PDB file of N, CA and C in Angstrom:
ATOM      1  N   MET A   1       0.845  -1.191   0.000  1.00  0.00           N
ATOM      2  CA  MET A   1       0.000   0.000   0.000  1.00  0.00           C
ATOM      3  C   MET A   1       0.883   1.245   0.000  1.00  0.00           C
ATOM      4  N   THR A   2       0.425   2.266  -0.667  1.00  0.00           N
ATOM      5  CA  THR A   2       1.174   3.511  -0.790  1.00  0.00           C
ATOM      6  C   THR A   2       1.039   4.337   0.480  1.00  0.00           C
ATOM      7  N   ASP A   3       2.119   4.918   0.941  1.00  0.00           N
ATOM      8  CA  ASP A   3       2.088   5.838   2.071  1.00  0.00           C
ATOM      9  C   ASP A   3       1.444   7.129   1.596  1.00  0.00           C
ATOM     10  N   LEU A   4       0.282   7.487   2.156  1.00  0.00           N
ATOM     11  CA  LEU A   4      -0.441   8.661   1.681  1.00  0.00           C
ATOM     12  C   LEU A   4       0.318   9.955   1.921  1.00  0.00           C
ATOM     13  N   ALA A   5       1.259   9.962   2.829  1.00  0.00           N
ATOM     14  CA  ALA A   5       2.036  11.180   3.070  1.00  0.00           C
ATOM     15  C   ALA A   5       2.910  11.523   1.863  1.00  0.00           C
ATOM     16  N   THR A   6       3.293  10.502   1.089  1.00  0.00           N
ATOM     17  CA  THR A   6       4.162  10.738  -0.067  1.00  0.00           C
ATOM     18  C   THR A   6       3.491  10.345  -1.379  1.00  0.00           C
ATOM     19  N   ALA A   7       2.224   9.971  -1.319  1.00  0.00           N
ATOM     20  CA  ALA A   7       1.498   9.525  -2.513  1.00  0.00           C
ATOM     21  C   ALA A   7       1.178  10.700  -3.429  1.00  0.00           C
ATOM     22  N   PRO A   8       0.984  10.408  -4.706  1.00  0.00           N
ATOM     23  CA  PRO A   8       0.484  11.453  -5.608  1.00  0.00           C
ATOM     24  C   PRO A   8      -0.863  11.966  -5.096  1.00  0.00           C
ATOM     25  N   LEU A   9      -1.134  13.226  -5.361  1.00  0.00           N
ATOM     26  CA  LEU A   9      -2.333  13.855  -4.830  1.00  0.00           C
ATOM     27  C   LEU A   9      -3.611  13.139  -5.266  1.00  0.00           C
ATOM     28  N   GLY A  10      -3.650  12.634  -6.477  1.00  0.00           N
ATOM     29  CA  GLY A  10      -4.829  11.904  -6.939  1.00  0.00           C
ATOM     30  C   GLY A  10      -5.152  10.706  -6.063  1.00  0.00           C
ATOM     31  N   GLU A  11      -4.126  10.002  -5.623  1.00  0.00           N
ATOM     32  CA  GLU A  11      -4.328   8.857  -4.732  1.00  0.00           C
ATOM     33  C   GLU A  11      -4.843   9.306  -3.364  1.00  0.00           C
ATOM     34  N   ILE A  12      -4.357  10.422  -2.891  1.00  0.00           N
ATOM     35  CA  ILE A  12      -4.805  10.955  -1.605  1.00  0.00           C
ATOM     36  C   ILE A  12      -6.277  11.371  -1.697  1.00  0.00           C
ATOM     37  N   ILE A  13      -6.639  12.049  -2.781  1.00  0.00           N
ATOM     38  CA  ILE A  13      -8.029  12.458  -2.983  1.00  0.00           C
ATOM     39  C   ILE A  13      -8.930  11.226  -3.013  1.00  0.00           C
ATOM     40  N   ALA A  14      -8.543  10.212  -3.767  1.00  0.00           N
ATOM     41  CA  ALA A  14      -9.337   8.987  -3.875  1.00  0.00           C
ATOM     42  C   ALA A  14      -9.489   8.305  -2.514  1.00  0.00           C
ATOM     43  N   ALA A  15      -8.417   8.232  -1.756  1.00  0.00           N
ATOM     44  CA  ALA A  15      -8.473   7.594  -0.435  1.00  0.00           C
ATOM     45  C   ALA A  15      -9.398   8.355   0.510  1.00  0.00           C
ATOM     46  N   ARG A  16      -9.303   9.675   0.484  1.00  0.00           N
ATOM     47  CA  ARG A  16     -10.158  10.501   1.360  1.00  0.00           C
ATOM     48  C   ARG A  16     -11.633  10.331   1.012  1.00  0.00           C
ATOM     49  N   LEU A  17     -11.954  10.385  -0.280  1.00  0.00           N
ATOM     50  CA  LEU A  17     -13.350  10.271  -0.690  1.00  0.00           C
ATOM     51  C   LEU A  17     -13.889   8.872  -0.455  1.00  0.00           C
ATOM     52  N   THR A  18     -13.051   7.867  -0.626  1.00  0.00           N
ATOM     53  CA  THR A  18     -13.464   6.494  -0.349  1.00  0.00           C
ATOM     54  C   THR A  18     -13.774   6.320   1.136  1.00  0.00           C
ATOM     55  N   ALA A  19     -12.923   6.846   1.994  1.00  0.00           N
ATOM     56  CA  ALA A  19     -13.142   6.734   3.437  1.00  0.00           C
ATOM     57  C   ALA A  19     -14.383   7.492   3.888  1.00  0.00           C
ATOM     58  N   ALA A  20     -14.606   8.668   3.313  1.00  0.00           N
ATOM     59  CA  ALA A  20     -15.714   9.521   3.762  1.00  0.00           C
ATOM     60  C   ALA A  20     -17.067   9.112   3.186  1.00  0.00           C
ATOM     61  N   LEU A  21     -17.073   8.588   1.943  1.00  0.00           N
ATOM     62  CA  LEU A  21     -18.341   8.420   1.238  1.00  0.00           C
ATOM     63  C   LEU A  21     -18.644   7.002   0.768  1.00  0.00           C
ATOM     64  N   ALA A  22     -17.712   6.081   0.901  1.00  0.00           N
ATOM     65  CA  ALA A  22     -17.888   4.700   0.431  1.00  0.00           C
ATOM     66  C   ALA A  22     -18.553   4.672  -0.951  1.00  0.00           C
ATOM     67  N   PRO A  23     -17.923   5.294  -1.938  1.00  0.00           N
ATOM     68  CA  PRO A  23     -18.561   5.415  -3.248  1.00  0.00           C
ATOM     69  C   PRO A  23     -18.706   4.081  -3.973  1.00  0.00           C
ATOM     70  N   SER A  24     -19.782   3.978  -4.758  1.00  0.00           N
ATOM     71  CA  SER A  24     -19.954   2.824  -5.633  1.00  0.00           C
ATOM     72  C   SER A  24     -19.214   3.060  -6.951  1.00  0.00           C
ATOM     73  N   HIS A  25     -18.905   4.308  -7.232  1.00  0.00           N
ATOM     74  CA  HIS A  25     -18.099   4.676  -8.402  1.00  0.00           C
ATOM     75  C   HIS A  25     -17.311   5.935  -8.048  1.00  0.00           C
ATOM     76  N   LEU A  26     -16.047   5.958  -8.412  1.00  0.00           N
ATOM     77  CA  LEU A  26     -15.203   7.122  -8.142  1.00  0.00           C
ATOM     78  C   LEU A  26     -14.179   7.267  -9.258  1.00  0.00           C
ATOM     79  N   GLU A  27     -14.125   8.469  -9.811  1.00  0.00           N
ATOM     80  CA  GLU A  27     -13.075   8.824 -10.761  1.00  0.00           C
ATOM     81  C   GLU A  27     -12.427  10.111 -10.271  1.00  0.00           C
ATOM     82  N   VAL A  28     -11.109  10.114 -10.240  1.00  0.00           N
ATOM     83  CA  VAL A  28     -10.347  11.305  -9.879  1.00  0.00           C
ATOM     84  C   VAL A  28      -9.487  11.629 -11.097  1.00  0.00           C
ATOM     85  N   ILE A  29      -9.755  12.785 -11.697  1.00  0.00           N
ATOM     86  CA  ILE A  29      -9.121  13.152 -12.955  1.00  0.00           C
ATOM     87  C   ILE A  29      -8.255  14.393 -12.753  1.00  0.00           C
ATOM     88  N   ASN A  30      -6.999  14.291 -13.122  1.00  0.00           N
ATOM     89  CA  ASN A  30      -6.073  15.411 -13.034  1.00  0.00           C
ATOM     90  C   ASN A  30      -6.212  16.269 -14.285  1.00  0.00           C
ATOM     91  N   ASP A  31      -6.744  17.472 -14.121  1.00  0.00           N
ATOM     92  CA  ASP A  31      -6.938  18.407 -15.229  1.00  0.00           C
ATOM     93  C   ASP A  31      -5.837  19.467 -15.295  1.00  0.00           C
ATOM     94  N   SER A  32      -4.803  19.322 -14.519  1.00  0.00           N
ATOM     95  CA  SER A  32      -3.791  20.374 -14.385  1.00  0.00           C
ATOM     96  C   SER A  32      -3.111  20.735 -15.687  1.00  0.00           C
ATOM     97  N   HIS A  33      -2.926  19.764 -16.564  1.00  0.00           N
ATOM     98  CA  HIS A  33      -2.246  20.053 -17.830  1.00  0.00           C
ATOM     99  C   HIS A  33      -3.014  21.058 -18.687  1.00  0.00           C
ATOM    100  N   HIS A  34      -4.321  21.176 -18.464  1.00  0.00           N
ATOM    101  CA  HIS A  34      -5.123  22.162 -19.195  1.00  0.00           C
ATOM    102  C   HIS A  34      -4.887  23.585 -18.678  1.00  0.00           C
ATOM    103  N   HIS A  35      -4.253  23.702 -17.531  1.00  0.00           N
ATOM    104  CA  HIS A  35      -4.099  24.997 -16.877  1.00  0.00           C
ATOM    105  C   HIS A  35      -2.637  25.405 -16.695  1.00  0.00           C
ATOM    106  N   ALA A  36      -1.737  24.711 -17.344  1.00  0.00           N
ATOM    107  CA  ALA A  36      -0.307  25.018 -17.224  1.00  0.00           C
ATOM    108  C   ALA A  36      -0.057  26.476 -17.601  1.00  0.00           C
ATOM    109  N   GLY A  37       0.629  27.172 -16.724  1.00  0.00           N
ATOM    110  CA  GLY A  37       0.960  28.562 -16.956  1.00  0.00           C
ATOM    111  C   GLY A  37      -0.132  29.549 -16.573  1.00  0.00           C
ATOM    112  N   HIS A  38      -1.290  29.055 -16.193  1.00  0.00           N
ATOM    113  CA  HIS A  38      -2.397  29.933 -15.791  1.00  0.00           C
ATOM    114  C   HIS A  38      -2.329  30.209 -14.293  1.00  0.00           C
ATOM    115  N   MET A  39      -3.122  31.176 -13.849  1.00  0.00           N
ATOM    116  CA  MET A  39      -3.203  31.468 -12.426  1.00  0.00           C
ATOM    117  C   MET A  39      -3.638  30.201 -11.679  1.00  0.00           C
ATOM    118  N   GLY A  40      -3.013  29.930 -10.580  1.00  0.00           N
ATOM    119  CA  GLY A  40      -3.331  28.751  -9.792  1.00  0.00           C
ATOM    120  C   GLY A  40      -2.464  27.554 -10.118  1.00  0.00           C
ATOM    121  N   ASP A  41      -1.758  27.605 -11.228  1.00  0.00           N
ATOM    122  CA  ASP A  41      -0.831  26.527 -11.570  1.00  0.00           C
ATOM    123  C   ASP A  41       0.420  26.705 -10.721  1.00  0.00           C
ATOM    124  N   ASP A  42       0.633  25.764  -9.807  1.00  0.00           N
ATOM    125  CA  ASP A  42       1.771  25.890  -8.899  1.00  0.00           C
ATOM    126  C   ASP A  42       3.014  25.169  -9.417  1.00  0.00           C
ATOM    127  N   GLY A  43       2.925  24.619 -10.616  1.00  0.00           N
ATOM    128  CA  GLY A  43       4.076  23.944 -11.202  1.00  0.00           C
ATOM    129  C   GLY A  43       4.209  22.486 -10.827  1.00  0.00           C
ATOM    130  N   THR A  44       3.355  21.983  -9.935  1.00  0.00           N
ATOM    131  CA  THR A  44       3.445  20.590  -9.512  1.00  0.00           C
ATOM    132  C   THR A  44       2.760  19.637 -10.469  1.00  0.00           C
ATOM    133  N   GLY A  45       1.870  20.167 -11.307  1.00  0.00           N
ATOM    134  CA  GLY A  45       1.076  19.306 -12.172  1.00  0.00           C
ATOM    135  C   GLY A  45      -0.067  18.644 -11.424  1.00  0.00           C
ATOM    136  N   GLU A  46      -0.359  19.132 -10.222  1.00  0.00           N
ATOM    137  CA  GLU A  46      -1.417  18.551  -9.383  1.00  0.00           C
ATOM    138  C   GLU A  46      -2.251  19.645  -8.728  1.00  0.00           C
ATOM    139  N   SER A  47      -2.729  20.595  -9.519  1.00  0.00           N
ATOM    140  CA  SER A  47      -3.444  21.729  -8.938  1.00  0.00           C
ATOM    141  C   SER A  47      -4.925  21.783  -9.314  1.00  0.00           C
ATOM    142  N   HIS A  48      -5.309  21.176 -10.426  1.00  0.00           N
ATOM    143  CA  HIS A  48      -6.681  21.248 -10.927  1.00  0.00           C
ATOM    144  C   HIS A  48      -7.239  19.825 -11.086  1.00  0.00           C
ATOM    145  N   TRP A  49      -8.418  19.585 -10.515  1.00  0.00           N
ATOM    146  CA  TRP A  49      -8.971  18.232 -10.456  1.00  0.00           C
ATOM    147  C   TRP A  49     -10.453  18.207 -10.779  1.00  0.00           C
ATOM    148  N   THR A  50     -10.907  17.070 -11.291  1.00  0.00           N
ATOM    149  CA  THR A  50     -12.327  16.755 -11.413  1.00  0.00           C
ATOM    150  C   THR A  50     -12.557  15.458 -10.658  1.00  0.00           C
ATOM    151  N   VAL A  51     -13.613  15.407  -9.850  1.00  0.00           N
ATOM    152  CA  VAL A  51     -14.005  14.162  -9.201  1.00  0.00           C
ATOM    153  C   VAL A  51     -15.423  13.824  -9.640  1.00  0.00           C
ATOM    154  N   MET A  52     -15.607  12.564  -9.986  1.00  0.00           N
ATOM    155  CA  MET A  52     -16.922  12.033 -10.318  1.00  0.00           C
ATOM    156  C   MET A  52     -17.217  10.965  -9.281  1.00  0.00           C
ATOM    157  N   VAL A  53     -18.224  11.240  -8.456  1.00  0.00           N
ATOM    158  CA  VAL A  53     -18.502  10.379  -7.311  1.00  0.00           C
ATOM    159  C   VAL A  53     -19.958   9.936  -7.343  1.00  0.00           C
ATOM    160  N   GLU A  54     -20.169   8.631  -7.271  1.00  0.00           N
ATOM    161  CA  GLU A  54     -21.503   8.075  -7.063  1.00  0.00           C
ATOM    162  C   GLU A  54     -21.468   7.390  -5.705  1.00  0.00           C
ATOM    163  N   SER A  55     -22.380   7.791  -4.833  1.00  0.00           N
ATOM    164  CA  SER A  55     -22.364   7.245  -3.474  1.00  0.00           C
ATOM    165  C   SER A  55     -23.773   7.166  -2.904  1.00  0.00           C
ATOM    166  N   PRO A  56     -24.073   6.083  -2.176  1.00  0.00           N
ATOM    167  CA  PRO A  56     -25.353   6.012  -1.468  1.00  0.00           C
ATOM    168  C   PRO A  56     -25.509   7.156  -0.457  1.00  0.00           C
ATOM    169  N   ALA A  57     -24.406   7.727  -0.020  1.00  0.00           N
ATOM    170  CA  ALA A  57     -24.463   8.850   0.930  1.00  0.00           C
ATOM    171  C   ALA A  57     -25.160  10.062   0.325  1.00  0.00           C
ATOM    172  N   PHE A  58     -25.306  10.096  -1.002  1.00  0.00           N
ATOM    173  CA  PHE A  58     -25.932  11.229  -1.677  1.00  0.00           C
ATOM    174  C   PHE A  58     -27.438  11.056  -1.880  1.00  0.00           C
ATOM    175  N   SER A  59     -27.982   9.906  -1.518  1.00  0.00           N
ATOM    176  CA  SER A  59     -29.419   9.670  -1.690  1.00  0.00           C
ATOM    177  C   SER A  59     -30.213  10.645  -0.838  1.00  0.00           C
ATOM    178  N   GLY A  60     -31.136  11.343  -1.480  1.00  0.00           N
ATOM    179  CA  GLY A  60     -31.981  12.294  -0.766  1.00  0.00           C
ATOM    180  C   GLY A  60     -31.276  13.557  -0.321  1.00  0.00           C
ATOM    181  N   VAL A  61     -30.083  13.806  -0.865  1.00  0.00           N
ATOM    182  CA  VAL A  61     -29.267  14.946  -0.464  1.00  0.00           C
ATOM    183  C   VAL A  61     -29.172  15.928  -1.637  1.00  0.00           C
ATOM    184  N   SER A  62     -29.286  17.216  -1.358  1.00  0.00           N
ATOM    185  CA  SER A  62     -29.224  18.230  -2.413  1.00  0.00           C
ATOM    186  C   SER A  62     -27.831  18.301  -3.036  1.00  0.00           C
ATOM    187  N   ARG A  63     -27.772  18.922  -4.202  1.00  0.00           N
ATOM    188  CA  ARG A  63     -26.489  19.104  -4.904  1.00  0.00           C
ATOM    189  C   ARG A  63     -25.495  19.862  -4.035  1.00  0.00           C
ATOM    190  N   VAL A  64     -25.964  20.903  -3.372  1.00  0.00           N
ATOM    191  CA  VAL A  64     -25.079  21.700  -2.516  1.00  0.00           C
ATOM    192  C   VAL A  64     -24.575  20.863  -1.339  1.00  0.00           C
ATOM    193  N   GLN A  65     -25.439  20.072  -0.734  1.00  0.00           N
ATOM    194  CA  GLN A  65     -25.012  19.226   0.384  1.00  0.00           C
ATOM    195  C   GLN A  65     -24.002  18.175  -0.078  1.00  0.00           C
ATOM    196  N   ARG A  66     -24.183  17.653  -1.276  1.00  0.00           N
ATOM    197  CA  ARG A  66     -23.228  16.676  -1.826  1.00  0.00           C
ATOM    198  C   ARG A  66     -21.854  17.329  -1.978  1.00  0.00           C
ATOM    199  N   GLN A  67     -21.839  18.533  -2.529  1.00  0.00           N
ATOM    200  CA  GLN A  67     -20.567  19.235  -2.696  1.00  0.00           C
ATOM    201  C   GLN A  67     -19.919  19.525  -1.353  1.00  0.00           C
ATOM    202  N   ARG A  68     -20.716  19.862  -0.366  1.00  0.00           N
ATOM    203  CA  ARG A  68     -20.168  20.115   0.969  1.00  0.00           C
ATOM    204  C   ARG A  68     -19.546  18.864   1.563  1.00  0.00           C
ATOM    205  N   LEU A  69     -20.174  17.707   1.367  1.00  0.00           N
ATOM    206  CA  LEU A  69     -19.596  16.457   1.871  1.00  0.00           C
ATOM    207  C   LEU A  69     -18.227  16.204   1.242  1.00  0.00           C
ATOM    208  N   ILE A  70     -18.128  16.435  -0.050  1.00  0.00           N
ATOM    209  CA  ILE A  70     -16.843  16.253  -0.741  1.00  0.00           C
ATOM    210  C   ILE A  70     -15.831  17.288  -0.263  1.00  0.00           C
ATOM    211  N   ASN A  71     -16.247  18.540  -0.193  1.00  0.00           N
ATOM    212  CA  ASN A  71     -15.339  19.598   0.263  1.00  0.00           C
ATOM    213  C   ASN A  71     -14.861  19.352   1.685  1.00  0.00           C
ATOM    214  N   ASN A  72     -15.728  18.855   2.559  1.00  0.00           N
ATOM    215  CA  ASN A  72     -15.320  18.558   3.940  1.00  0.00           C
ATOM    216  C   ASN A  72     -14.263  17.459   3.980  1.00  0.00           C
ATOM    217  N   ALA A  73     -14.409  16.450   3.133  1.00  0.00           N
ATOM    218  CA  ALA A  73     -13.434  15.354   3.106  1.00  0.00           C
ATOM    219  C   ALA A  73     -12.064  15.825   2.609  1.00  0.00           C
ATOM    220  N   LEU A  74     -12.065  16.897   1.811  1.00  0.00           N
ATOM    221  CA  LEU A  74     -10.820  17.383   1.207  1.00  0.00           C
ATOM    222  C   LEU A  74     -10.409  18.766   1.719  1.00  0.00           C
ATOM    223  N   ALA A  75     -10.995  19.210   2.818  1.00  0.00           N
ATOM    224  CA  ALA A  75     -10.851  20.598   3.282  1.00  0.00           C
ATOM    225  C   ALA A  75      -9.402  21.072   3.361  1.00  0.00           C
ATOM    226  N   ASP A  76      -8.529  20.323   4.010  1.00  0.00           N
ATOM    227  CA  ASP A  76      -7.148  20.790   4.158  1.00  0.00           C
ATOM    228  C   ASP A  76      -6.418  20.811   2.819  1.00  0.00           C
ATOM    229  N   LEU A  77      -6.757  19.893   1.919  1.00  0.00           N
ATOM    230  CA  LEU A  77      -6.136  19.886   0.590  1.00  0.00           C
ATOM    231  C   LEU A  77      -6.621  21.062  -0.243  1.00  0.00           C
ATOM    232  N   LEU A  78      -7.893  21.417  -0.103  1.00  0.00           N
ATOM    233  CA  LEU A  78      -8.431  22.579  -0.810  1.00  0.00           C
ATOM    234  C   LEU A  78      -7.775  23.867  -0.318  1.00  0.00           C
ATOM    235  N   ALA A  79      -7.391  23.883   0.934  1.00  0.00           N
ATOM    236  CA  ALA A  79      -6.751  25.073   1.499  1.00  0.00           C
ATOM    237  C   ALA A  79      -5.271  25.178   1.117  1.00  0.00           C
ATOM    238  N   THR A  80      -4.662  24.042   0.763  1.00  0.00           N
ATOM    239  CA  THR A  80      -3.214  24.065   0.560  1.00  0.00           C
ATOM    240  C   THR A  80      -2.729  23.568  -0.796  1.00  0.00           C
ATOM    241  N   ARG A  81      -3.341  22.526  -1.343  1.00  0.00           N
ATOM    242  CA  ARG A  81      -2.763  21.878  -2.523  1.00  0.00           C
ATOM    243  C   ARG A  81      -3.652  21.865  -3.761  1.00  0.00           C
ATOM    244  N   ILE A  82      -4.959  21.999  -3.570  1.00  0.00           N
ATOM    245  CA  ILE A  82      -5.880  21.961  -4.707  1.00  0.00           C
ATOM    246  C   ILE A  82      -6.326  23.383  -5.014  1.00  0.00           C
ATOM    247  N   HIS A  83      -6.058  23.839  -6.229  1.00  0.00           N
ATOM    248  CA  HIS A  83      -6.482  25.179  -6.634  1.00  0.00           C
ATOM    249  C   HIS A  83      -7.919  25.165  -7.155  1.00  0.00           C
ATOM    250  N   ALA A  84      -8.267  24.129  -7.917  1.00  0.00           N
ATOM    251  CA  ALA A  84      -9.603  24.057  -8.508  1.00  0.00           C
ATOM    252  C   ALA A  84     -10.109  22.625  -8.452  1.00  0.00           C
ATOM    253  N   LEU A  85     -11.395  22.478  -8.099  1.00  0.00           N
ATOM    254  CA  LEU A  85     -12.011  21.160  -8.014  1.00  0.00           C
ATOM    255  C   LEU A  85     -13.389  21.213  -8.659  1.00  0.00           C
ATOM    256  N   ALA A  86     -13.560  20.451  -9.743  1.00  0.00           N
ATOM    257  CA  ALA A  86     -14.869  20.300 -10.375  1.00  0.00           C
ATOM    258  C   ALA A  86     -15.498  19.035  -9.803  1.00  0.00           C
ATOM    259  N   ILE A  87     -16.776  19.132  -9.421  1.00  0.00           N
ATOM    260  CA  ILE A  87     -17.441  18.022  -8.748  1.00  0.00           C
ATOM    261  C   ILE A  87     -18.658  17.576  -9.548  1.00  0.00           C
ATOM    262  N   LYS A  88     -18.721  16.275  -9.787  1.00  0.00           N
ATOM    263  CA  LYS A  88     -19.904  15.644 -10.358  1.00  0.00           C
ATOM    264  C   LYS A  88     -20.311  14.559  -9.356  1.00  0.00           C
ATOM    265  N   ALA A  89     -21.411  14.790  -8.646  1.00  0.00           N
ATOM    266  CA  ALA A  89     -21.824  13.892  -7.578  1.00  0.00           C
ATOM    267  C   ALA A  89     -23.247  13.405  -7.828  1.00  0.00           C
ATOM    268  N   ARG A  90     -23.444  12.093  -7.701  1.00  0.00           N
ATOM    269  CA  ARG A  90     -24.778  11.540  -7.884  1.00  0.00           C
ATOM    270  C   ARG A  90     -24.987  10.354  -6.958  1.00  0.00           C
ATOM    271  N   ALA A  91     -26.255  10.076  -6.704  1.00  0.00           N
ATOM    272  CA  ALA A  91     -26.632   8.895  -5.937  1.00  0.00           C
ATOM    273  C   ALA A  91     -26.800   7.730  -6.920  1.00  0.00           C
ATOM    274  N   PRO A  92     -26.679   6.490  -6.448  1.00  0.00           N
ATOM    275  CA  PRO A  92     -26.891   5.352  -7.354  1.00  0.00           C
ATOM    276  C   PRO A  92     -28.275   5.435  -8.012  1.00  0.00           C
ATOM    277  N   GLY A  93     -28.322   5.122  -9.293  1.00  0.00           N
ATOM    278  CA  GLY A  93     -29.576   5.145 -10.029  1.00  0.00           C
ATOM    279  C   GLY A  93     -29.936   6.482 -10.648  1.00  0.00           C
ATOM    280  N   GLU A  94     -29.165   7.501 -10.377  1.00  0.00           N
ATOM    281  CA  GLU A  94     -29.437   8.829 -10.974  1.00  0.00           C
ATOM    282  C   GLU A  94     -28.778   8.936 -12.339  1.00  0.00           C
TER     283      GLU A  94
END
C-alpha cells in the first residue's frame, strides 16, 4: 500500500473520498495540464482536479449538500494543494 504522506495527490483524494463516502463509483481526474501557466498553476502538475462520485451517501441529499460532503473530506487539501475542483456527484440510479 502507498504511504499517503508521499502519494500522488490523486491517490490521496481517492483515499479521502473512499473513506468519507464509500462510493460505488469514483473517478479522480487530473486536469492540471489544461491549466499550465495559468493562475493557480503551482508547477506541480497537481493543482486542478475533477471528481466524479456516485455514493449512497448522496441519496436524498441536495447538490449543494453533496458538494459540501466532498469539500469537507478534502478541506485541508483545498486550502493548501488543490487550486480548482470540479465536482460531479450523484446517488446510485441517478
